[in-house]
């Protein structure tokens, strides 16, 4: 009986400390990717930064670099949205 309680407690522990936080993180990333709009500054999972110039169903086109090179990425390759106001606050 005690071993059954330990197994149940271990499963509950795994759910609250491993599975649930991962699901929350995935949900917040998907929300961020769904809210991308033209003009947003983003960073890809490969480290490329740029400004979104077109948004399609599953892809985004970004402009990157001084030559304004346009590259098309899957939305799943976007790792974060850069907030220019937050950068200004950190510089102070």
PDB file of N, CA and C in Angstrom:
ATOM      1  N   UNK A   1       0.822  -1.202   0.000  1.00  0.00           N
ATOM      2  CA  UNK A   1       0.000   0.000   0.000  1.00  0.00           C
ATOM      3  C   UNK A   1       0.864   1.265   0.000  1.00  0.00           C
ATOM      4  N   UNK A   2       1.945   1.220   0.806  1.00  0.00           N
ATOM      5  CA  UNK A   2       2.824   2.378   0.879  1.00  0.00           C
ATOM      6  C   UNK A   2       3.516   2.648  -0.448  1.00  0.00           C
ATOM      7  N   UNK A   3       3.888   1.581  -1.138  1.00  0.00           N
ATOM      8  CA  UNK A   3       4.554   1.767  -2.431  1.00  0.00           C
ATOM      9  C   UNK A   3       3.597   2.384  -3.455  1.00  0.00           C
ATOM     10  N   UNK A   4       2.324   2.042  -3.355  1.00  0.00           N
ATOM     11  CA  UNK A   4       1.331   2.621  -4.268  1.00  0.00           C
ATOM     12  C   UNK A   4       1.184   4.122  -4.004  1.00  0.00           C
ATOM     13  N   UNK A   5       1.203   4.523  -2.758  1.00  0.00           N
ATOM     14  CA  UNK A   5       1.108   5.938  -2.392  1.00  0.00           C
ATOM     15  C   UNK A   5       2.336   6.690  -2.901  1.00  0.00           C
ATOM     16  N   UNK A   6       3.524   6.091  -2.765  1.00  0.00           N
ATOM     17  CA  UNK A   6       4.748   6.715  -3.258  1.00  0.00           C
ATOM     18  C   UNK A   6       4.716   6.901  -4.776  1.00  0.00           C
ATOM     19  N   UNK A   7       4.205   5.930  -5.485  1.00  0.00           N
ATOM     20  CA  UNK A   7       4.107   6.026  -6.946  1.00  0.00           C
ATOM     21  C   UNK A   7       3.146   7.144  -7.333  1.00  0.00           C
ATOM     22  N   UNK A   8       2.019   7.224  -6.676  1.00  0.00           N
ATOM     23  CA  UNK A   8       1.048   8.283  -6.956  1.00  0.00           C
ATOM     24  C   UNK A   8       1.646   9.652  -6.647  1.00  0.00           C
ATOM     25  N   UNK A   9       2.338   9.771  -5.499  1.00  0.00           N
ATOM     26  CA  UNK A   9       2.980  11.034  -5.147  1.00  0.00           C
ATOM     27  C   UNK A   9       4.052  11.420  -6.165  1.00  0.00           C
ATOM     28  N   UNK A  10       4.786  10.453  -6.669  1.00  0.00           N
ATOM     29  CA  UNK A  10       5.802  10.719  -7.664  1.00  0.00           C
ATOM     30  C   UNK A  10       5.172  11.214  -8.975  1.00  0.00           C
ATOM     31  N   UNK A  11       4.072  10.626  -9.365  1.00  0.00           N
ATOM     32  CA  UNK A  11       3.372  11.063 -10.574  1.00  0.00           C
ATOM     33  C   UNK A  11       2.818  12.484 -10.407  1.00  0.00           C
ATOM     34  N   UNK A  12       2.276  12.782  -9.240  1.00  0.00           N
ATOM     35  CA  UNK A  12       1.775  14.132  -8.966  1.00  0.00           C
ATOM     36  C   UNK A  12       2.925  15.125  -8.996  1.00  0.00           C
ATOM     37  N   UNK A  13       4.033  14.773  -8.391  1.00  0.00           N
ATOM     38  CA  UNK A  13       5.226  15.624  -8.411  1.00  0.00           C
ATOM     39  C   UNK A  13       5.676  15.888  -9.846  1.00  0.00           C
ATOM     40  N   UNK A  14       5.747  14.851 -10.670  1.00  0.00           N
ATOM     41  CA  UNK A  14       6.170  15.006 -12.068  1.00  0.00           C
ATOM     42  C   UNK A  14       5.211  15.913 -12.826  1.00  0.00           C
ATOM     43  N   UNK A  15       3.930  15.775 -12.568  1.00  0.00           N
ATOM     44  CA  UNK A  15       2.960  16.608 -13.270  1.00  0.00           C
ATOM     45  C   UNK A  15       3.160  18.078 -12.926  1.00  0.00           C
ATOM     46  N   UNK A  16       3.233  18.403 -11.638  1.00  0.00           N
ATOM     47  CA  UNK A  16       3.298  19.807 -11.225  1.00  0.00           C
ATOM     48  C   UNK A  16       4.660  20.455 -11.440  1.00  0.00           C
ATOM     49  N   UNK A  17       5.736  19.698 -11.472  1.00  0.00           N
ATOM     50  CA  UNK A  17       7.052  20.295 -11.608  1.00  0.00           C
ATOM     51  C   UNK A  17       7.699  20.074 -12.969  1.00  0.00           C
ATOM     52  N   UNK A  18       7.159  19.196 -13.798  1.00  0.00           N
ATOM     53  CA  UNK A  18       7.746  18.946 -15.111  1.00  0.00           C
ATOM     54  C   UNK A  18       6.762  19.173 -16.256  1.00  0.00           C
ATOM     55  N   UNK A  19       5.642  18.529 -16.208  1.00  0.00           N
ATOM     56  CA  UNK A  19       4.709  18.552 -17.338  1.00  0.00           C
ATOM     57  C   UNK A  19       3.935  19.861 -17.409  1.00  0.00           C
ATOM     58  N   UNK A  20       3.371  20.311 -16.328  1.00  0.00           N
ATOM     59  CA  UNK A  20       2.548  21.525 -16.320  1.00  0.00           C
ATOM     60  C   UNK A  20       3.328  22.771 -16.729  1.00  0.00           C
ATOM     61  N   UNK A  21       4.527  23.034 -16.191  1.00  0.00           N
ATOM     62  CA  UNK A  21       5.276  24.214 -16.629  1.00  0.00           C
ATOM     63  C   UNK A  21       5.641  24.176 -18.113  1.00  0.00           C
ATOM     64  N   UNK A  22       5.948  22.993 -18.621  1.00  0.00           N
ATOM     65  CA  UNK A  22       6.279  22.865 -20.051  1.00  0.00           C
ATOM     66  C   UNK A  22       5.066  23.195 -20.915  1.00  0.00           C
ATOM     67  N   UNK A  23       3.892  22.733 -20.523  1.00  0.00           N
ATOM     68  CA  UNK A  23       2.675  23.043 -21.277  1.00  0.00           C
ATOM     69  C   UNK A  23       2.368  24.539 -21.233  1.00  0.00           C
ATOM     70  N   UNK A  24       2.591  25.186 -20.082  1.00  0.00           N
ATOM     71  CA  UNK A  24       2.384  26.635 -19.975  1.00  0.00           C
ATOM     72  C   UNK A  24       3.333  27.387 -20.894  1.00  0.00           C
ATOM     73  N   UNK A  25       4.602  26.956 -20.943  1.00  0.00           N
ATOM     74  CA  UNK A  25       5.600  27.604 -21.788  1.00  0.00           C
ATOM     75  C   UNK A  25       5.227  27.465 -23.268  1.00  0.00           C
ATOM     76  N   UNK A  26       4.807  26.269 -23.672  1.00  0.00           N
ATOM     77  CA  UNK A  26       4.402  26.046 -25.060  1.00  0.00           C
ATOM     78  C   UNK A  26       3.201  26.906 -25.422  1.00  0.00           C
ATOM     79  N   UNK A  27       2.243  27.026 -24.514  1.00  0.00           N
ATOM     80  CA  UNK A  27       1.051  27.821 -24.770  1.00  0.00           C
ATOM     81  C   UNK A  27       1.409  29.295 -24.916  1.00  0.00           C
ATOM     82  N   UNK A  28       2.303  29.807 -24.069  1.00  0.00           N
ATOM     83  CA  UNK A  28       2.688  31.218 -24.172  1.00  0.00           C
ATOM     84  C   UNK A  28       3.475  31.481 -25.457  1.00  0.00           C
ATOM     85  N   UNK A  29       4.328  30.540 -25.883  1.00  0.00           N
ATOM     86  CA  UNK A  29       5.056  30.697 -27.139  1.00  0.00           C
ATOM     87  C   UNK A  29       4.091  30.714 -28.322  1.00  0.00           C
ATOM     88  N   UNK A  30       3.099  29.840 -28.307  1.00  0.00           N
ATOM     89  CA  UNK A  30       2.136  29.793 -29.400  1.00  0.00           C
ATOM     90  C   UNK A  30       1.308  31.074 -29.451  1.00  0.00           C
ATOM     91  N   UNK A  31       0.943  31.605 -28.300  1.00  0.00           N
ATOM     92  CA  UNK A  31       0.205  32.862 -28.238  1.00  0.00           C
ATOM     93  C   UNK A  31       1.038  33.997 -28.830  1.00  0.00           C
ATOM     94  N   UNK A  32       2.339  34.021 -28.494  1.00  0.00           N
ATOM     95  CA  UNK A  32       3.233  35.039 -29.034  1.00  0.00           C
ATOM     96  C   UNK A  32       3.335  34.922 -30.550  1.00  0.00           C
ATOM     97  N   UNK A  33       3.460  33.709 -31.054  1.00  0.00           N
ATOM     98  CA  UNK A  33       3.584  33.504 -32.501  1.00  0.00           C
ATOM     99  C   UNK A  33       2.289  33.864 -33.231  1.00  0.00           C
ATOM    100  N   UNK A  34       1.154  33.607 -32.607  1.00  0.00           N
ATOM    101  CA  UNK A  34      -0.124  33.948 -33.229  1.00  0.00           C
ATOM    102  C   UNK A  34      -0.369  35.455 -33.249  1.00  0.00           C
ATOM    103  N   UNK A  35       0.285  36.191 -32.348  1.00  0.00           N
ATOM    104  CA  UNK A  35       0.054  37.631 -32.259  1.00  0.00           C
ATOM    105  C   UNK A  35       1.071  38.451 -33.057  1.00  0.00           C
ATOM    106  N   UNK A  36       1.924  37.810 -33.847  1.00  0.00           N
ATOM    107  CA  UNK A  36       2.914  38.540 -34.635  1.00  0.00           C
ATOM    108  C   UNK A  36       2.232  39.404 -35.691  1.00  0.00           C
ATOM    109  N   UNK A  37       2.712  40.641 -35.818  1.00  0.00           N
ATOM    110  CA  UNK A  37       2.167  41.561 -36.810  1.00  0.00           C
ATOM    111  C   UNK A  37       3.311  42.224 -37.571  1.00  0.00           C
ATOM    112  N   UNK A  38       2.978  42.841 -38.684  1.00  0.00           N
ATOM    113  CA  UNK A  38       3.968  43.550 -39.490  1.00  0.00           C
ATOM    114  C   UNK A  38       4.565  44.679 -38.652  1.00  0.00           C
ATOM    115  N   UNK A  39       5.893  44.794 -38.682  1.00  0.00           N
ATOM    116  CA  UNK A  39       6.579  45.832 -37.936  1.00  0.00           C
ATOM    117  C   UNK A  39       7.186  45.359 -36.629  1.00  0.00           C
ATOM    118  N   UNK A  40       6.825  44.164 -36.164  1.00  0.00           N
ATOM    119  CA  UNK A  40       7.404  43.630 -34.932  1.00  0.00           C
ATOM    120  C   UNK A  40       8.862  43.245 -35.158  1.00  0.00           C
ATOM    121  N   UNK A  41       9.698  43.493 -34.165  1.00  0.00           N
ATOM    122  CA  UNK A  41      11.089  43.042 -34.196  1.00  0.00           C
ATOM    123  C   UNK A  41      11.149  41.684 -33.524  1.00  0.00           C
ATOM    124  N   UNK A  42      11.801  40.706 -34.190  1.00  0.00           N
ATOM    125  CA  UNK A  42      11.823  39.348 -33.668  1.00  0.00           C
ATOM    126  C   UNK A  42      13.230  38.773 -33.718  1.00  0.00           C
ATOM    127  N   UNK A  43      13.408  37.676 -32.994  1.00  0.00           N
ATOM    128  CA  UNK A  43      14.630  36.884 -33.047  1.00  0.00           C
ATOM    129  C   UNK A  43      14.229  35.456 -33.362  1.00  0.00           C
ATOM    130  N   UNK A  44      14.962  34.821 -34.287  1.00  0.00           N
ATOM    131  CA  UNK A  44      14.678  33.431 -34.624  1.00  0.00           C
ATOM    132  C   UNK A  44      15.467  32.506 -33.713  1.00  0.00           C
ATOM    133  N   UNK A  45      15.164  31.211 -33.785  1.00  0.00           N
ATOM    134  CA  UNK A  45      15.884  30.248 -32.965  1.00  0.00           C
ATOM    135  C   UNK A  45      17.336  30.128 -33.399  1.00  0.00           C
ATOM    136  N   UNK A  46      17.660  30.586 -34.609  1.00  0.00           N
ATOM    137  CA  UNK A  46      19.037  30.581 -35.090  1.00  0.00           C
ATOM    138  C   UNK A  46      19.797  31.837 -34.737  1.00  0.00           C
ATOM    139  N   UNK A  47      19.126  32.811 -34.107  1.00  0.00           N
ATOM    140  CA  UNK A  47      19.786  34.033 -33.693  1.00  0.00           C
ATOM    141  C   UNK A  47      19.684  35.179 -34.681  1.00  0.00           C
ATOM    142  N   UNK A  48      18.934  35.006 -35.746  1.00  0.00           N
ATOM    143  CA  UNK A  48      18.750  36.073 -36.733  1.00  0.00           C
ATOM    144  C   UNK A  48      17.699  37.035 -36.214  1.00  0.00           C
ATOM    145  N   UNK A  49      18.017  38.322 -36.241  1.00  0.00           N
ATOM    146  CA  UNK A  49      17.055  39.331 -35.807  1.00  0.00           C
ATOM    147  C   UNK A  49      16.597  40.122 -37.020  1.00  0.00           C
ATOM    148  N   UNK A  50      15.378  40.625 -36.948  1.00  0.00           N
ATOM    149  CA  UNK A  50      14.855  41.418 -38.044  1.00  0.00           C
ATOM    150  C   UNK A  50      13.473  41.940 -37.738  1.00  0.00           C
ATOM    151  N   UNK A  51      12.924  42.632 -38.734  1.00  0.00           N
ATOM    152  CA  UNK A  51      11.597  43.226 -38.622  1.00  0.00           C
ATOM    153  C   UNK A  51      10.659  42.480 -39.558  1.00  0.00           C
ATOM    154  N   UNK A  52       9.487  42.145 -39.072  1.00  0.00           N
ATOM    155  CA  UNK A  52       8.512  41.424 -39.884  1.00  0.00           C
ATOM    156  C   UNK A  52       7.950  42.362 -40.947  1.00  0.00           C
ATOM    157  N   UNK A  53       7.959  41.915 -42.213  1.00  0.00           N
ATOM    158  CA  UNK A  53       7.381  42.725 -43.277  1.00  0.00           C
ATOM    159  C   UNK A  53       6.180  42.038 -43.924  1.00  0.00           C
ATOM    160  N   UNK A  54       5.934  40.762 -43.612  1.00  0.00           N
ATOM    161  CA  UNK A  54       4.739  40.069 -44.101  1.00  0.00           C
ATOM    162  C   UNK A  54       4.447  38.894 -43.177  1.00  0.00           C
ATOM    163  N   UNK A  55       3.159  38.670 -42.930  1.00  0.00           N
ATOM    164  CA  UNK A  55       2.724  37.549 -42.096  1.00  0.00           C
ATOM    165  C   UNK A  55       1.761  36.709 -42.915  1.00  0.00           C
ATOM    166  N   UNK A  56       2.062  35.418 -43.014  1.00  0.00           N
ATOM    167  CA  UNK A  56       1.191  34.475 -43.703  1.00  0.00           C
ATOM    168  C   UNK A  56       0.666  33.488 -42.677  1.00  0.00           C
ATOM    169  N   UNK A  57      -0.066  32.481 -43.130  1.00  0.00           N
ATOM    170  CA  UNK A  57      -0.685  31.537 -42.197  1.00  0.00           C
ATOM    171  C   UNK A  57       0.351  30.804 -41.346  1.00  0.00           C
ATOM    172  N   UNK A  58       1.358  30.215 -41.977  1.00  0.00           N
ATOM    173  CA  UNK A  58       2.358  29.433 -41.245  1.00  0.00           C
ATOM    174  C   UNK A  58       3.755  30.029 -41.305  1.00  0.00           C
ATOM    175  N   UNK A  59       3.926  31.120 -42.039  1.00  0.00           N
ATOM    176  CA  UNK A  59       5.259  31.696 -42.206  1.00  0.00           C
ATOM    177  C   UNK A  59       5.233  33.200 -41.981  1.00  0.00           C
ATOM    178  N   UNK A  60       6.424  33.753 -41.770  1.00  0.00           N
ATOM    179  CA  UNK A  60       6.609  35.199 -41.701  1.00  0.00           C
ATOM    180  C   UNK A  60       7.807  35.545 -42.573  1.00  0.00           C
ATOM    181  N   UNK A  61       7.777  36.739 -43.166  1.00  0.00           N
ATOM    182  CA  UNK A  61       8.900  37.247 -43.945  1.00  0.00           C
ATOM    183  C   UNK A  61       9.504  38.381 -43.138  1.00  0.00           C
ATOM    184  N   UNK A  62      10.829  38.295 -42.906  1.00  0.00           N
ATOM    185  CA  UNK A  62      11.483  39.343 -42.133  1.00  0.00           C
ATOM    186  C   UNK A  62      12.543  40.029 -42.985  1.00  0.00           C
ATOM    187  N   UNK A  63      12.788  41.299 -42.654  1.00  0.00           N
ATOM    188  CA  UNK A  63      13.888  42.048 -43.240  1.00  0.00           C
ATOM    189  C   UNK A  63      15.004  42.071 -42.224  1.00  0.00           C
ATOM    190  N   UNK A  64      16.208  41.736 -42.676  1.00  0.00           N
ATOM    191  CA  UNK A  64      17.325  41.670 -41.759  1.00  0.00           C
ATOM    192  C   UNK A  64      18.553  42.318 -42.390  1.00  0.00           C
ATOM    193  N   UNK A  65      19.304  43.035 -41.601  1.00  0.00           N
ATOM    194  CA  UNK A  65      20.561  43.609 -42.059  1.00  0.00           C
ATOM    195  C   UNK A  65      20.411  44.949 -42.727  1.00  0.00           C
ATOM    196  N   UNK A  66      21.553  45.580 -43.001  1.00  0.00           N
ATOM    197  CA  UNK A  66      21.575  46.906 -43.617  1.00  0.00           C
ATOM    198  C   UNK A  66      21.113  46.867 -45.069  1.00  0.00           C
ATOM    199  N   UNK A  67      21.291  45.714 -45.723  1.00  0.00           N
ATOM    200  CA  UNK A  67      20.880  45.584 -47.122  1.00  0.00           C
ATOM    201  C   UNK A  67      19.402  45.253 -47.264  1.00  0.00           C
ATOM    202  N   UNK A  68      18.707  45.147 -46.147  1.00  0.00           N
ATOM    203  CA  UNK A  68      17.276  44.844 -46.104  1.00  0.00           C
ATOM    204  C   UNK A  68      16.962  43.527 -46.821  1.00  0.00           C
ATOM    205  N   UNK A  69      17.733  42.521 -46.502  1.00  0.00           N
ATOM    206  CA  UNK A  69      17.539  41.192 -47.058  1.00  0.00           C
ATOM    207  C   UNK A  69      16.254  40.609 -46.485  1.00  0.00           C
ATOM    208  N   UNK A  70      15.419  40.054 -47.346  1.00  0.00           N
ATOM    209  CA  UNK A  70      14.158  39.447 -46.902  1.00  0.00           C
ATOM    210  C   UNK A  70      14.301  37.931 -46.870  1.00  0.00           C
ATOM    211  N   UNK A  71      13.902  37.340 -45.724  1.00  0.00           N
ATOM    212  CA  UNK A  71      13.988  35.901 -45.523  1.00  0.00           C
ATOM    213  C   UNK A  71      12.640  35.420 -44.997  1.00  0.00           C
ATOM    214  N   UNK A  72      12.195  34.285 -45.505  1.00  0.00           N
ATOM    215  CA  UNK A  72      10.923  33.712 -45.046  1.00  0.00           C
ATOM    216  C   UNK A  72      11.211  32.585 -44.054  1.00  0.00           C
ATOM    217  N   UNK A  73      10.549  32.633 -42.901  1.00  0.00           N
ATOM    218  CA  UNK A  73      10.705  31.631 -41.851  1.00  0.00           C
ATOM    219  C   UNK A  73       9.356  31.053 -41.479  1.00  0.00           C
ATOM    220  N   UNK A  74       9.380  29.816 -40.993  1.00  0.00           N
ATOM    221  CA  UNK A  74       8.185  29.247 -40.380  1.00  0.00           C
ATOM    222  C   UNK A  74       7.943  29.970 -39.063  1.00  0.00           C
ATOM    223  N   UNK A  75       6.686  30.092 -38.676  1.00  0.00           N
ATOM    224  CA  UNK A  75       6.380  30.739 -37.395  1.00  0.00           C
ATOM    225  C   UNK A  75       7.000  29.970 -36.229  1.00  0.00           C
ATOM    226  N   UNK A  76       7.146  28.670 -36.385  1.00  0.00           N
ATOM    227  CA  UNK A  76       7.733  27.872 -35.304  1.00  0.00           C
ATOM    228  C   UNK A  76       9.214  28.174 -35.099  1.00  0.00           C
ATOM    229  N   UNK A  77       9.857  28.862 -36.050  1.00  0.00           N
ATOM    230  CA  UNK A  77      11.269  29.223 -35.917  1.00  0.00           C
ATOM    231  C   UNK A  77      11.462  30.544 -35.189  1.00  0.00           C
ATOM    232  N   UNK A  78      10.385  31.216 -34.800  1.00  0.00           N
ATOM    233  CA  UNK A  78      10.481  32.481 -34.073  1.00  0.00           C
ATOM    234  C   UNK A  78      10.621  32.166 -32.589  1.00  0.00           C
ATOM    235  N   UNK A  79      11.694  32.667 -31.976  1.00  0.00           N
ATOM    236  CA  UNK A  79      11.899  32.360 -30.562  1.00  0.00           C
ATOM    237  C   UNK A  79      11.386  33.459 -29.644  1.00  0.00           C
ATOM    238  N   UNK A  80      11.489  34.723 -30.077  1.00  0.00           N
ATOM    239  CA  UNK A  80      11.017  35.790 -29.192  1.00  0.00           C
ATOM    240  C   UNK A  80      10.722  37.055 -29.977  1.00  0.00           C
ATOM    241  N   UNK A  81       9.887  37.877 -29.364  1.00  0.00           N
ATOM    242  CA  UNK A  81       9.569  39.190 -29.907  1.00  0.00           C
ATOM    243  C   UNK A  81      10.383  40.199 -29.114  1.00  0.00           C
ATOM    244  N   UNK A  82      11.086  41.085 -29.813  1.00  0.00           N
ATOM    245  CA  UNK A  82      11.929  42.079 -29.159  1.00  0.00           C
ATOM    246  C   UNK A  82      11.090  43.321 -28.893  1.00  0.00           C
ATOM    247  N   UNK A  83      11.106  43.777 -27.646  1.00  0.00           N
ATOM    248  CA  UNK A  83      10.370  44.967 -27.257  1.00  0.00           C
ATOM    249  C   UNK A  83      11.346  46.142 -27.193  1.00  0.00           C
ATOM    250  N   UNK A  84      11.287  47.086 -28.147  1.00  0.00           N
ATOM    251  CA  UNK A  84      12.262  48.179 -28.157  1.00  0.00           C
ATOM    252  C   UNK A  84      12.150  49.077 -26.924  1.00  0.00           C
ATOM    253  N   UNK A  85      10.987  49.203 -26.329  1.00  0.00           N
ATOM    254  CA  UNK A  85      10.813  50.021 -25.126  1.00  0.00           C
ATOM    255  C   UNK A  85      11.547  49.404 -23.943  1.00  0.00           C
ATOM    256  N   UNK A  86      11.549  48.089 -23.850  1.00  0.00           N
ATOM    257  CA  UNK A  86      12.263  47.405 -22.767  1.00  0.00           C
ATOM    258  C   UNK A  86      13.767  47.602 -22.924  1.00  0.00           C
ATOM    259  N   UNK A  87      14.258  47.628 -24.176  1.00  0.00           N
ATOM    260  CA  UNK A  87      15.682  47.845 -24.414  1.00  0.00           C
ATOM    261  C   UNK A  87      16.081  49.252 -23.970  1.00  0.00           C
ATOM    262  N   UNK A  88      15.218  50.226 -24.206  1.00  0.00           N
ATOM    263  CA  UNK A  88      15.528  51.603 -23.800  1.00  0.00           C
ATOM    264  C   UNK A  88      15.592  51.714 -22.286  1.00  0.00           C
ATOM    265  N   UNK A  89      14.695  51.011 -21.582  1.00  0.00           N
ATOM    266  CA  UNK A  89      14.677  51.059 -20.116  1.00  0.00           C
ATOM    267  C   UNK A  89      15.937  50.414 -19.536  1.00  0.00           C
ATOM    268  N   UNK A  90      16.411  49.333 -20.172  1.00  0.00           N
ATOM    269  CA  UNK A  90      17.590  48.647 -19.683  1.00  0.00           C
ATOM    270  C   UNK A  90      18.853  49.483 -19.921  1.00  0.00           C
ATOM    271  N   UNK A  91      18.871  50.310 -20.971  1.00  0.00           N
ATOM    272  CA  UNK A  91      20.024  51.132 -21.297  1.00  0.00           C
ATOM    273  C   UNK A  91      20.230  52.236 -20.288  1.00  0.00           C
ATOM    274  N   UNK A  92      19.179  52.657 -19.604  1.00  0.00           N
ATOM    275  CA  UNK A  92      19.270  53.763 -18.635  1.00  0.00           C
ATOM    276  C   UNK A  92      19.928  53.373 -17.380  1.00  0.00           C
TER     277      UNK A  92
END
